[in-house]
Amino acid sequence: MSQIKIFGIREELYPIREKLSEVIHSCIMEAFQYPADKKAHRFIYLEADSFYYPIGRSQKYTIIEISLFEGRSIEAKKNLYNLIFEHFDKQLGIGSTDVEITLFETPMHNWGIRGVSGDELLLNYNVNV
């Protein structure tokens, strides 16, 4: 399971939100062997005057926070980062300098989903990749 939040300047993100969501999901599916029907993305739009970002970044600066069950290997995580950097650049014109990704991993028992604890879910995918 994962929940994905995408933060950025409204004028930059809103027009590309659907394509950006597709790109992130395809990267998650490839890196984590994730099913196509598991997609939970939330866009958090910020006004330009309320979003302070590091020197050297552009207005396309985008923060991606992914909350997920723990269990993915370091290699799978690095693969995800590389896929996102590559596809954001090629498909969205957002260079790797303007993308920041953070994974927040928690044990399955720390999630409540569909009326049960996450560790009681019957999943159609493997978390340990």
C-alpha atoms as a PDB file:
ATOM      1  CA  MET A   1       0.000   0.000   0.000  1.00  0.00           C
ATOM      2  CA  SER A   2       1.170   3.525  -0.600  1.00  0.00           C
ATOM      3  CA  GLN A   3      -0.163   7.048  -0.341  1.00  0.00           C
ATOM      4  CA  ILE A   4       1.597   9.656  -2.451  1.00  0.00           C
ATOM      5  CA  LYS A   5       1.600  13.411  -1.893  1.00  0.00           C
ATOM      6  CA  ILE A   6       2.957  15.738  -4.575  1.00  0.00           C
ATOM      7  CA  PHE A   7       3.803  19.294  -3.543  1.00  0.00           C
ATOM      8  CA  GLY A   8       4.592  22.165  -5.895  1.00  0.00           C
ATOM      9  CA  ILE A   9       3.599  25.546  -7.233  1.00  0.00           C
ATOM     10  CA  ARG A  10       0.008  25.486  -8.476  1.00  0.00           C
ATOM     11  CA  GLU A  11       0.747  27.126 -11.825  1.00  0.00           C
ATOM     12  CA  GLU A  12       3.375  24.476 -12.582  1.00  0.00           C
ATOM     13  CA  LEU A  13       1.682  21.329 -11.267  1.00  0.00           C
ATOM     14  CA  TYR A  14      -1.989  21.802 -12.028  1.00  0.00           C
ATOM     15  CA  PRO A  15      -1.676  21.752 -15.841  1.00  0.00           C
ATOM     16  CA  ILE A  16       0.391  18.539 -15.794  1.00  0.00           C
ATOM     17  CA  ARG A  17      -1.223  16.739 -12.841  1.00  0.00           C
ATOM     18  CA  GLU A  18      -2.725  13.871 -14.835  1.00  0.00           C
ATOM     19  CA  LYS A  19       0.470  13.129 -16.774  1.00  0.00           C
ATOM     20  CA  LEU A  20       2.588  13.515 -13.624  1.00  0.00           C
ATOM     21  CA  SER A  21       0.338  11.056 -11.784  1.00  0.00           C
ATOM     22  CA  GLU A  22       0.670   8.562 -14.660  1.00  0.00           C
ATOM     23  CA  VAL A  23       4.458   8.916 -14.640  1.00  0.00           C
ATOM     24  CA  ILE A  24       4.773   8.385 -10.887  1.00  0.00           C
ATOM     25  CA  HIS A  25       2.440   5.392 -10.959  1.00  0.00           C
ATOM     26  CA  SER A  26       4.300   3.734 -13.831  1.00  0.00           C
ATOM     27  CA  CYS A  27       7.575   4.177 -11.925  1.00  0.00           C
ATOM     28  CA  ILE A  28       6.065   2.680  -8.748  1.00  0.00           C
ATOM     29  CA  MET A  29       4.671  -0.262 -10.708  1.00  0.00           C
ATOM     30  CA  GLU A  30       8.042  -0.981 -12.296  1.00  0.00           C
ATOM     31  CA  ALA A  31      10.288  -0.465  -9.262  1.00  0.00           C
ATOM     32  CA  PHE A  32       8.026  -2.051  -6.647  1.00  0.00           C
ATOM     33  CA  GLN A  33       6.140  -4.539  -8.882  1.00  0.00           C
ATOM     34  CA  TYR A  34       2.996  -2.695  -7.891  1.00  0.00           C
ATOM     35  CA  PRO A  35      -0.457  -3.486  -9.364  1.00  0.00           C
ATOM     36  CA  ALA A  36      -2.000  -1.015 -11.794  1.00  0.00           C
ATOM     37  CA  ASP A  37      -5.184  -0.638  -9.743  1.00  0.00           C
ATOM     38  CA  LYS A  38      -3.413   0.630  -6.599  1.00  0.00           C
ATOM     39  CA  LYS A  39      -3.135   4.377  -7.081  1.00  0.00           C
ATOM     40  CA  ALA A  40      -3.638   6.982  -4.332  1.00  0.00           C
ATOM     41  CA  HIS A  41      -2.168  10.371  -5.264  1.00  0.00           C
ATOM     42  CA  ARG A  42      -2.873  13.743  -3.696  1.00  0.00           C
ATOM     43  CA  PHE A  43      -1.648  17.018  -5.117  1.00  0.00           C
ATOM     44  CA  ILE A  44      -0.919  19.793  -2.676  1.00  0.00           C
ATOM     45  CA  TYR A  45      -0.761  23.050  -4.616  1.00  0.00           C
ATOM     46  CA  LEU A  46       1.186  25.943  -3.173  1.00  0.00           C
ATOM     47  CA  GLU A  47       1.110  29.556  -4.200  1.00  0.00           C
ATOM     48  CA  ALA A  48       4.462  30.800  -5.488  1.00  0.00           C
ATOM     49  CA  ASP A  49       4.755  33.342  -2.674  1.00  0.00           C
ATOM     50  CA  SER A  50       4.272  30.603  -0.048  1.00  0.00           C
ATOM     51  CA  PHE A  51       6.747  28.015  -1.320  1.00  0.00           C
ATOM     52  CA  TYR A  52      10.368  28.633  -0.435  1.00  0.00           C
ATOM     53  CA  TYR A  53      12.730  26.198  -2.086  1.00  0.00           C
ATOM     54  CA  PRO A  54      16.515  25.812  -2.209  1.00  0.00           C
ATOM     55  CA  ILE A  55      18.733  28.046  -4.312  1.00  0.00           C
ATOM     56  CA  GLY A  56      19.413  26.532  -7.709  1.00  0.00           C
ATOM     57  CA  ARG A  57      15.902  25.126  -8.136  1.00  0.00           C
ATOM     58  CA  SER A  58      13.288  26.468 -10.503  1.00  0.00           C
ATOM     59  CA  GLN A  59       9.544  27.046 -10.128  1.00  0.00           C
ATOM     60  CA  LYS A  60       9.126  23.441 -11.293  1.00  0.00           C
ATOM     61  CA  TYR A  61      10.604  22.244  -7.965  1.00  0.00           C
ATOM     62  CA  THR A  62       8.445  19.291  -6.903  1.00  0.00           C
ATOM     63  CA  ILE A  63       8.426  17.348  -3.642  1.00  0.00           C
ATOM     64  CA  ILE A  64       7.116  13.781  -3.642  1.00  0.00           C
ATOM     65  CA  GLU A  65       6.339  12.102  -0.313  1.00  0.00           C
ATOM     66  CA  ILE A  66       5.459   8.417  -0.396  1.00  0.00           C
ATOM     67  CA  SER A  67       4.023   6.665   2.659  1.00  0.00           C
ATOM     68  CA  LEU A  68       4.223   2.904   2.283  1.00  0.00           C
ATOM     69  CA  PHE A  69       4.473  -0.450   4.000  1.00  0.00           C
ATOM     70  CA  GLU A  70       8.037  -1.278   4.951  1.00  0.00           C
ATOM     71  CA  GLY A  71       9.733  -4.141   3.137  1.00  0.00           C
ATOM     72  CA  ARG A  72      11.191  -2.820  -0.133  1.00  0.00           C
ATOM     73  CA  SER A  73      14.888  -3.416  -0.701  1.00  0.00           C
ATOM     74  CA  ILE A  74      17.397  -0.599  -0.983  1.00  0.00           C
ATOM     75  CA  GLU A  75      17.888  -1.568  -4.635  1.00  0.00           C
ATOM     76  CA  ALA A  76      14.147  -1.272  -5.343  1.00  0.00           C
ATOM     77  CA  LYS A  77      14.071   2.172  -3.699  1.00  0.00           C
ATOM     78  CA  LYS A  78      17.072   3.408  -5.673  1.00  0.00           C
ATOM     79  CA  ASN A  79      15.489   2.047  -8.830  1.00  0.00           C
ATOM     80  CA  LEU A  80      12.337   4.044  -8.035  1.00  0.00           C
ATOM     81  CA  TYR A  81      14.328   7.258  -7.547  1.00  0.00           C
ATOM     82  CA  ASN A  82      16.193   6.751 -10.821  1.00  0.00           C
ATOM     83  CA  LEU A  83      13.007   5.984 -12.742  1.00  0.00           C
ATOM     84  CA  ILE A  84      11.265   9.086 -11.390  1.00  0.00           C
ATOM     85  CA  PHE A  85      14.257  11.321 -12.158  1.00  0.00           C
ATOM     86  CA  GLU A  86      14.550   9.916 -15.688  1.00  0.00           C
ATOM     87  CA  HIS A  87      10.859  10.012 -16.565  1.00  0.00           C
ATOM     88  CA  PHE A  88      10.194  13.411 -15.009  1.00  0.00           C
ATOM     89  CA  ASP A  89      12.961  14.826 -17.178  1.00  0.00           C
ATOM     90  CA  LYS A  90      11.989  13.028 -20.406  1.00  0.00           C
ATOM     91  CA  GLN A  91       8.202  13.152 -20.140  1.00  0.00           C
ATOM     92  CA  LEU A  92       7.514  16.270 -18.071  1.00  0.00           C
ATOM     93  CA  GLY A  93      10.542  18.491 -18.615  1.00  0.00           C
ATOM     94  CA  ILE A  94      11.296  18.556 -14.883  1.00  0.00           C
ATOM     95  CA  GLY A  95      15.013  17.980 -14.324  1.00  0.00           C
ATOM     96  CA  SER A  96      16.352  15.898 -11.451  1.00  0.00           C
ATOM     97  CA  THR A  97      17.558  19.028  -9.645  1.00  0.00           C
ATOM     98  CA  ASP A  98      13.903  20.044  -9.313  1.00  0.00           C
ATOM     99  CA  VAL A  99      12.667  16.738  -7.845  1.00  0.00           C
ATOM    100  CA  GLU A 100      12.897  15.623  -4.223  1.00  0.00           C
ATOM    101  CA  ILE A 101      11.558  12.234  -3.110  1.00  0.00           C
ATOM    102  CA  THR A 102      11.078  11.018   0.452  1.00  0.00           C
ATOM    103  CA  LEU A 103       9.851   7.568   1.451  1.00  0.00           C
ATOM    104  CA  PHE A 104       8.092   7.147   4.794  1.00  0.00           C
ATOM    105  CA  GLU A 105       8.008   3.443   5.627  1.00  0.00           C
ATOM    106  CA  THR A 106       5.929   2.040   8.449  1.00  0.00           C
ATOM    107  CA  PRO A 107       5.072  -1.478   9.589  1.00  0.00           C
ATOM    108  CA  MET A 108       1.890  -2.881   8.101  1.00  0.00           C
ATOM    109  CA  HIS A 109       0.257  -2.975  11.538  1.00  0.00           C
ATOM    110  CA  ASN A 110       0.499   0.848  11.648  1.00  0.00           C
ATOM    111  CA  TRP A 111      -2.065   1.124   8.840  1.00  0.00           C
ATOM    112  CA  GLY A 112      -5.848   0.757   9.087  1.00  0.00           C
ATOM    113  CA  ILE A 113      -7.310  -0.061   5.674  1.00  0.00           C
ATOM    114  CA  ARG A 114     -10.689  -1.397   4.508  1.00  0.00           C
ATOM    115  CA  GLY A 115     -11.773  -2.057   8.090  1.00  0.00           C
ATOM    116  CA  VAL A 116      -8.716  -4.043   9.225  1.00  0.00           C
ATOM    117  CA  SER A 117      -5.147  -3.586  10.347  1.00  0.00           C
ATOM    118  CA  GLY A 118      -2.695  -3.509   7.422  1.00  0.00           C
ATOM    119  CA  ASP A 119      -1.025  -6.708   8.580  1.00  0.00           C
ATOM    120  CA  GLU A 120      -4.390  -8.502   8.227  1.00  0.00           C
ATOM    121  CA  LEU A 121      -4.908  -7.447   4.598  1.00  0.00           C
ATOM    122  CA  LEU A 122      -4.925  -9.943   1.779  1.00  0.00           C
ATOM    123  CA  LEU A 123      -2.698  -8.253  -0.818  1.00  0.00           C
ATOM    124  CA  ASN A 124      -2.491  -9.048  -4.514  1.00  0.00           C
ATOM    125  CA  TYR A 125       1.143  -7.998  -4.629  1.00  0.00           C
ATOM    126  CA  ASN A 126       4.375  -8.670  -2.773  1.00  0.00           C
ATOM    127  CA  VAL A 127       5.768  -5.977  -0.452  1.00  0.00           C
ATOM    128  CA  ASN A 128       9.224  -7.557  -0.185  1.00  0.00           C
ATOM    129  CA  VAL A 129      10.792  -6.668  -3.539  1.00  0.00           C
END
